[in-house]
Amino acid sequence: MSAASSTILVVEDDNIVRMLIVDVLEELEFTVIEAADAAEALGMVNDESQLIQLMMTDVGLPDMDGKELAAKVRALRPGLPILFASGYAENIDAPADMHVIGKPFSIDQLRDKVKSIIG
């Protein structure tokens, strides 16, 4: 699957951080959809017309933490790859089938992590 045909859902409540992540992923030629909170993300995941290959989510969201969001997303789309982004990555107890990247991360680290997950 090429980057251009891969859609990533970015869930981040900090507008500036979300904008930077989206810009980087778009420069890497991924299609990106974005949500500012868990409720908005769940709406997008519920929309079966959205062909999402990866959800990248902040762990510390205001309305529901990223792990709770991931559990709800997996109930709707079993097997969807999940990438947690956190400034406290070493403290994240992510399930074995989910991934973690520590903030701050470089463009190269983000590219390599995403490509290792979705190819």
N, C-alpha and C. Protein backbone atom coordinates (compact mmCIF):
# COMPACT_ATOMS: atom_id res chain seq x y z
N MET A 1 0.86 -1.18 0.00
CA MET A 1 0.00 0.00 0.00
C MET A 1 0.90 1.23 0.00
N SER A 2 0.71 2.13 -0.92
CA SER A 2 1.53 3.34 -0.97
C SER A 2 0.99 4.37 0.00
N ALA A 3 1.88 5.31 0.34
CA ALA A 3 1.46 6.38 1.26
C ALA A 3 0.26 7.12 0.71
N ALA A 4 0.25 7.38 -0.59
CA ALA A 4 -0.82 8.16 -1.20
C ALA A 4 -2.18 7.48 -1.07
N SER A 5 -2.19 6.16 -0.94
CA SER A 5 -3.47 5.46 -0.82
C SER A 5 -3.81 5.13 0.63
N SER A 6 -2.99 5.60 1.57
CA SER A 6 -3.22 5.31 2.98
C SER A 6 -3.81 6.52 3.69
N THR A 7 -4.88 6.29 4.44
CA THR A 7 -5.52 7.36 5.18
C THR A 7 -5.26 7.18 6.67
N ILE A 8 -4.80 8.26 7.29
CA ILE A 8 -4.48 8.25 8.71
C ILE A 8 -5.42 9.23 9.42
N LEU A 9 -6.06 8.75 10.48
CA LEU A 9 -6.87 9.60 11.34
C LEU A 9 -5.98 10.09 12.48
N VAL A 10 -5.79 11.40 12.58
CA VAL A 10 -4.98 11.99 13.64
C VAL A 10 -5.92 12.60 14.67
N VAL A 11 -5.80 12.16 15.92
CA VAL A 11 -6.63 12.66 17.01
C VAL A 11 -5.71 13.37 18.00
N GLU A 12 -5.86 14.69 18.07
CA GLU A 12 -4.99 15.51 18.93
C GLU A 12 -5.77 16.75 19.31
N ASP A 13 -5.84 17.04 20.63
CA ASP A 13 -6.62 18.19 21.08
C ASP A 13 -5.87 19.51 20.98
N ASP A 14 -4.55 19.47 20.91
CA ASP A 14 -3.77 20.70 20.77
C ASP A 14 -3.72 21.06 19.28
N ASN A 15 -4.34 22.18 18.92
CA ASN A 15 -4.45 22.57 17.51
C ASN A 15 -3.11 22.68 16.82
N ILE A 16 -2.12 23.27 17.48
CA ILE A 16 -0.81 23.45 16.85
C ILE A 16 -0.12 22.11 16.64
N VAL A 17 -0.15 21.26 17.64
CA VAL A 17 0.47 19.94 17.51
C VAL A 17 -0.22 19.15 16.41
N ARG A 18 -1.56 19.17 16.40
CA ARG A 18 -2.31 18.45 15.36
C ARG A 18 -1.95 18.97 13.98
N MET A 19 -1.88 20.29 13.83
CA MET A 19 -1.54 20.89 12.54
C MET A 19 -0.15 20.44 12.08
N LEU A 20 0.81 20.40 12.99
CA LEU A 20 2.17 19.98 12.63
C LEU A 20 2.20 18.51 12.21
N ILE A 21 1.52 17.65 12.96
CA ILE A 21 1.48 16.23 12.60
C ILE A 21 0.82 16.04 11.23
N VAL A 22 -0.30 16.72 11.03
CA VAL A 22 -1.01 16.62 9.74
C VAL A 22 -0.11 17.09 8.61
N ASP A 23 0.56 18.22 8.79
CA ASP A 23 1.45 18.74 7.75
C ASP A 23 2.55 17.75 7.41
N VAL A 24 3.17 17.17 8.43
CA VAL A 24 4.25 16.20 8.19
C VAL A 24 3.72 14.99 7.44
N LEU A 25 2.60 14.44 7.89
CA LEU A 25 2.05 13.25 7.23
C LEU A 25 1.64 13.55 5.79
N GLU A 26 1.08 14.74 5.55
CA GLU A 26 0.72 15.10 4.18
C GLU A 26 1.96 15.29 3.31
N GLU A 27 3.04 15.83 3.88
CA GLU A 27 4.29 15.95 3.13
C GLU A 27 4.84 14.57 2.77
N LEU A 28 4.57 13.59 3.60
CA LEU A 28 4.98 12.21 3.33
C LEU A 28 3.99 11.51 2.41
N GLU A 29 3.00 12.26 1.92
CA GLU A 29 2.01 11.83 0.93
C GLU A 29 0.94 10.88 1.47
N PHE A 30 0.67 10.97 2.76
CA PHE A 30 -0.46 10.25 3.32
C PHE A 30 -1.69 11.14 3.21
N THR A 31 -2.85 10.52 3.10
CA THR A 31 -4.12 11.24 3.21
C THR A 31 -4.43 11.31 4.69
N VAL A 32 -4.77 12.50 5.18
CA VAL A 32 -4.98 12.68 6.61
C VAL A 32 -6.35 13.27 6.87
N ILE A 33 -7.05 12.69 7.84
CA ILE A 33 -8.26 13.29 8.37
C ILE A 33 -7.95 13.55 9.84
N GLU A 34 -8.59 14.56 10.40
CA GLU A 34 -8.21 14.95 11.75
C GLU A 34 -9.41 15.18 12.65
N ALA A 35 -9.16 14.92 13.93
CA ALA A 35 -10.19 15.12 14.95
C ALA A 35 -9.53 15.79 16.15
N ALA A 36 -10.28 16.71 16.77
CA ALA A 36 -9.77 17.44 17.92
C ALA A 36 -10.07 16.74 19.25
N ASP A 37 -10.96 15.75 19.20
CA ASP A 37 -11.29 15.03 20.44
C ASP A 37 -11.82 13.64 20.10
N ALA A 38 -12.03 12.85 21.14
CA ALA A 38 -12.45 11.46 20.95
C ALA A 38 -13.83 11.35 20.30
N ALA A 39 -14.75 12.22 20.69
CA ALA A 39 -16.10 12.15 20.12
C ALA A 39 -16.07 12.38 18.61
N GLU A 40 -15.31 13.36 18.18
CA GLU A 40 -15.18 13.63 16.74
C GLU A 40 -14.52 12.45 16.04
N ALA A 41 -13.51 11.87 16.66
CA ALA A 41 -12.83 10.71 16.07
C ALA A 41 -13.78 9.53 15.93
N LEU A 42 -14.58 9.28 16.97
CA LEU A 42 -15.53 8.16 16.90
C LEU A 42 -16.55 8.36 15.79
N GLY A 43 -16.97 9.60 15.57
CA GLY A 43 -17.87 9.89 14.46
C GLY A 43 -17.25 9.53 13.12
N MET A 44 -15.97 9.82 12.97
CA MET A 44 -15.28 9.50 11.72
C MET A 44 -15.10 7.99 11.56
N VAL A 45 -14.79 7.32 12.65
CA VAL A 45 -14.62 5.86 12.60
C VAL A 45 -15.95 5.19 12.31
N ASN A 46 -17.04 5.73 12.84
CA ASN A 46 -18.38 5.19 12.57
C ASN A 46 -18.79 5.36 11.11
N ASP A 47 -18.23 6.35 10.44
CA ASP A 47 -18.55 6.61 9.04
C ASP A 47 -17.82 5.59 8.17
N GLU A 48 -18.56 4.60 7.73
CA GLU A 48 -17.95 3.50 6.97
C GLU A 48 -17.38 3.94 5.64
N SER A 49 -17.71 5.14 5.18
CA SER A 49 -17.13 5.63 3.92
C SER A 49 -15.68 6.09 4.13
N GLN A 50 -15.28 6.27 5.39
CA GLN A 50 -13.90 6.65 5.69
C GLN A 50 -13.02 5.39 5.68
N LEU A 51 -12.11 5.33 4.75
CA LEU A 51 -11.21 4.18 4.65
C LEU A 51 -9.94 4.50 5.42
N ILE A 52 -9.96 4.21 6.71
CA ILE A 52 -8.86 4.56 7.60
C ILE A 52 -7.93 3.36 7.76
N GLN A 53 -6.62 3.57 7.52
CA GLN A 53 -5.65 2.50 7.67
C GLN A 53 -4.89 2.58 9.00
N LEU A 54 -4.96 3.74 9.68
CA LEU A 54 -4.25 3.92 10.94
C LEU A 54 -4.90 5.05 11.71
N MET A 55 -5.03 4.87 13.03
CA MET A 55 -5.44 5.98 13.88
C MET A 55 -4.25 6.32 14.77
N MET A 56 -3.83 7.58 14.69
CA MET A 56 -2.77 8.10 15.57
C MET A 56 -3.45 9.01 16.57
N THR A 57 -3.31 8.69 17.86
CA THR A 57 -4.02 9.47 18.87
C THR A 57 -3.11 9.87 20.01
N ASP A 58 -3.34 11.09 20.49
CA ASP A 58 -2.73 11.54 21.71
C ASP A 58 -3.31 10.70 22.84
N VAL A 59 -2.51 10.46 23.86
CA VAL A 59 -3.02 9.69 25.00
C VAL A 59 -3.86 10.57 25.90
N GLY A 60 -3.44 11.81 26.10
CA GLY A 60 -4.12 12.71 27.02
C GLY A 60 -5.15 13.59 26.34
N LEU A 61 -6.29 13.02 26.01
CA LEU A 61 -7.39 13.79 25.41
C LEU A 61 -8.32 14.27 26.53
N PRO A 62 -8.99 15.41 26.33
CA PRO A 62 -9.81 15.97 27.41
C PRO A 62 -11.08 15.19 27.73
N ASP A 63 -11.71 14.59 26.75
CA ASP A 63 -13.01 13.96 26.99
C ASP A 63 -12.93 12.47 27.29
N MET A 64 -11.84 11.85 26.88
CA MET A 64 -11.66 10.40 27.08
C MET A 64 -10.20 10.15 26.75
N ASP A 65 -9.51 9.33 27.54
CA ASP A 65 -8.09 9.15 27.21
C ASP A 65 -7.92 8.28 25.97
N GLY A 66 -6.73 8.34 25.40
CA GLY A 66 -6.47 7.65 24.14
C GLY A 66 -6.67 6.16 24.22
N LYS A 67 -6.39 5.57 25.38
CA LYS A 67 -6.58 4.12 25.51
C LYS A 67 -8.06 3.75 25.50
N GLU A 68 -8.89 4.57 26.14
CA GLU A 68 -10.35 4.34 26.07
C GLU A 68 -10.85 4.49 24.64
N LEU A 69 -10.35 5.53 23.97
CA LEU A 69 -10.72 5.75 22.57
C LEU A 69 -10.32 4.56 21.73
N ALA A 70 -9.10 4.08 21.92
CA ALA A 70 -8.62 2.93 21.14
C ALA A 70 -9.51 1.71 21.33
N ALA A 71 -9.95 1.47 22.57
CA ALA A 71 -10.83 0.32 22.84
C ALA A 71 -12.15 0.47 22.09
N LYS A 72 -12.72 1.68 22.10
CA LYS A 72 -13.99 1.91 21.40
C LYS A 72 -13.81 1.79 19.88
N VAL A 73 -12.69 2.30 19.37
CA VAL A 73 -12.42 2.22 17.94
C VAL A 73 -12.24 0.76 17.53
N ARG A 74 -11.53 -0.01 18.33
CA ARG A 74 -11.32 -1.42 18.00
C ARG A 74 -12.63 -2.21 18.04
N ALA A 75 -13.58 -1.79 18.86
CA ALA A 75 -14.89 -2.45 18.87
C ALA A 75 -15.61 -2.21 17.55
N LEU A 76 -15.39 -1.03 16.96
CA LEU A 76 -16.03 -0.68 15.70
C LEU A 76 -15.24 -1.22 14.49
N ARG A 77 -13.93 -1.19 14.60
CA ARG A 77 -13.05 -1.63 13.50
C ARG A 77 -11.95 -2.52 14.06
N PRO A 78 -12.28 -3.78 14.30
CA PRO A 78 -11.28 -4.70 14.85
C PRO A 78 -10.04 -4.76 13.94
N GLY A 79 -8.89 -4.74 14.55
CA GLY A 79 -7.66 -4.86 13.79
C GLY A 79 -7.10 -3.56 13.24
N LEU A 80 -7.83 -2.44 13.38
CA LEU A 80 -7.31 -1.17 12.90
C LEU A 80 -6.04 -0.84 13.68
N PRO A 81 -4.94 -0.58 12.99
CA PRO A 81 -3.71 -0.21 13.71
C PRO A 81 -3.89 1.10 14.47
N ILE A 82 -3.34 1.13 15.68
CA ILE A 82 -3.44 2.30 16.55
C ILE A 82 -2.02 2.71 16.94
N LEU A 83 -1.74 4.01 16.82
CA LEU A 83 -0.46 4.57 17.23
C LEU A 83 -0.72 5.63 18.28
N PHE A 84 -0.23 5.39 19.51
CA PHE A 84 -0.35 6.37 20.57
C PHE A 84 0.83 7.33 20.49
N ALA A 85 0.57 8.62 20.65
CA ALA A 85 1.62 9.63 20.74
C ALA A 85 1.55 10.23 22.13
N SER A 86 2.70 10.25 22.81
CA SER A 86 2.68 10.74 24.19
C SER A 86 4.03 11.29 24.59
N GLY A 87 4.00 12.34 25.38
CA GLY A 87 5.22 12.86 25.98
C GLY A 87 5.73 11.96 27.09
N TYR A 88 4.93 10.99 27.46
CA TYR A 88 5.29 10.05 28.53
C TYR A 88 5.26 8.63 27.99
N ALA A 89 5.85 8.43 26.81
CA ALA A 89 5.76 7.15 26.11
C ALA A 89 6.25 5.98 26.95
N GLU A 90 7.27 6.22 27.77
CA GLU A 90 7.81 5.12 28.57
C GLU A 90 6.83 4.65 29.63
N ASN A 91 5.83 5.48 29.93
CA ASN A 91 4.83 5.12 30.94
C ASN A 91 3.54 4.56 30.33
N ILE A 92 3.49 4.45 29.02
CA ILE A 92 2.28 3.96 28.35
C ILE A 92 2.29 2.43 28.34
N ASP A 93 1.26 1.85 28.91
CA ASP A 93 1.11 0.40 28.92
C ASP A 93 0.16 0.03 27.78
N ALA A 94 0.70 0.10 26.56
CA ALA A 94 -0.12 -0.16 25.38
C ALA A 94 -0.23 -1.67 25.15
N PRO A 95 -1.41 -2.11 24.71
CA PRO A 95 -1.54 -3.52 24.34
C PRO A 95 -0.51 -3.90 23.28
N ALA A 96 -0.14 -5.17 23.24
CA ALA A 96 0.92 -5.64 22.35
C ALA A 96 0.64 -5.34 20.88
N ASP A 97 -0.63 -5.27 20.50
CA ASP A 97 -0.96 -5.04 19.09
C ASP A 97 -1.15 -3.56 18.76
N MET A 98 -0.73 -2.68 19.67
CA MET A 98 -0.81 -1.24 19.43
C MET A 98 0.59 -0.66 19.56
N HIS A 99 0.80 0.52 19.04
CA HIS A 99 2.13 1.10 18.92
C HIS A 99 2.21 2.43 19.67
N VAL A 100 3.44 2.83 20.02
CA VAL A 100 3.66 4.07 20.76
C VAL A 100 4.82 4.83 20.13
N ILE A 101 4.67 6.15 20.04
CA ILE A 101 5.76 7.03 19.65
C ILE A 101 5.83 8.15 20.68
N GLY A 102 7.04 8.46 21.13
CA GLY A 102 7.22 9.48 22.15
C GLY A 102 7.29 10.87 21.56
N LYS A 103 6.62 11.81 22.22
CA LYS A 103 6.71 13.22 21.85
C LYS A 103 7.84 13.84 22.65
N PRO A 104 8.61 14.72 22.10
CA PRO A 104 8.58 15.14 20.70
C PRO A 104 9.25 14.09 19.82
N PHE A 105 8.82 14.00 18.58
CA PHE A 105 9.42 13.07 17.63
C PHE A 105 9.84 13.85 16.39
N SER A 106 10.82 13.31 15.70
CA SER A 106 11.29 13.95 14.46
C SER A 106 10.42 13.49 13.29
N ILE A 107 10.53 14.21 12.20
CA ILE A 107 9.83 13.81 10.98
C ILE A 107 10.24 12.40 10.58
N ASP A 108 11.53 12.12 10.66
CA ASP A 108 12.02 10.79 10.29
C ASP A 108 11.47 9.71 11.21
N GLN A 109 11.41 9.99 12.50
CA GLN A 109 10.86 9.00 13.44
C GLN A 109 9.39 8.73 13.14
N LEU A 110 8.63 9.79 12.87
CA LEU A 110 7.21 9.61 12.55
C LEU A 110 7.05 8.82 11.26
N ARG A 111 7.79 9.21 10.23
CA ARG A 111 7.72 8.50 8.95
C ARG A 111 8.03 7.02 9.14
N ASP A 112 9.15 6.73 9.82
CA ASP A 112 9.57 5.34 9.99
C ASP A 112 8.55 4.53 10.80
N LYS A 113 8.00 5.15 11.84
CA LYS A 113 7.02 4.44 12.68
C LYS A 113 5.76 4.14 11.87
N VAL A 114 5.24 5.15 11.16
CA VAL A 114 4.00 4.95 10.39
C VAL A 114 4.23 3.91 9.29
N LYS A 115 5.35 4.01 8.60
CA LYS A 115 5.61 3.05 7.52
C LYS A 115 5.81 1.63 8.06
N SER A 116 6.35 1.52 9.28
CA SER A 116 6.52 0.18 9.84
C SER A 116 5.16 -0.43 10.22
N ILE A 117 4.17 0.43 10.47
CA ILE A 117 2.85 -0.05 10.86
C ILE A 117 1.99 -0.37 9.64
N ILE A 118 1.96 0.57 8.67
CA ILE A 118 1.05 0.36 7.53
C ILE A 118 1.77 0.16 6.20
N GLY A 119 3.09 0.16 6.22
CA GLY A 119 3.84 -0.11 4.99
C GLY A 119 4.00 1.07 4.09
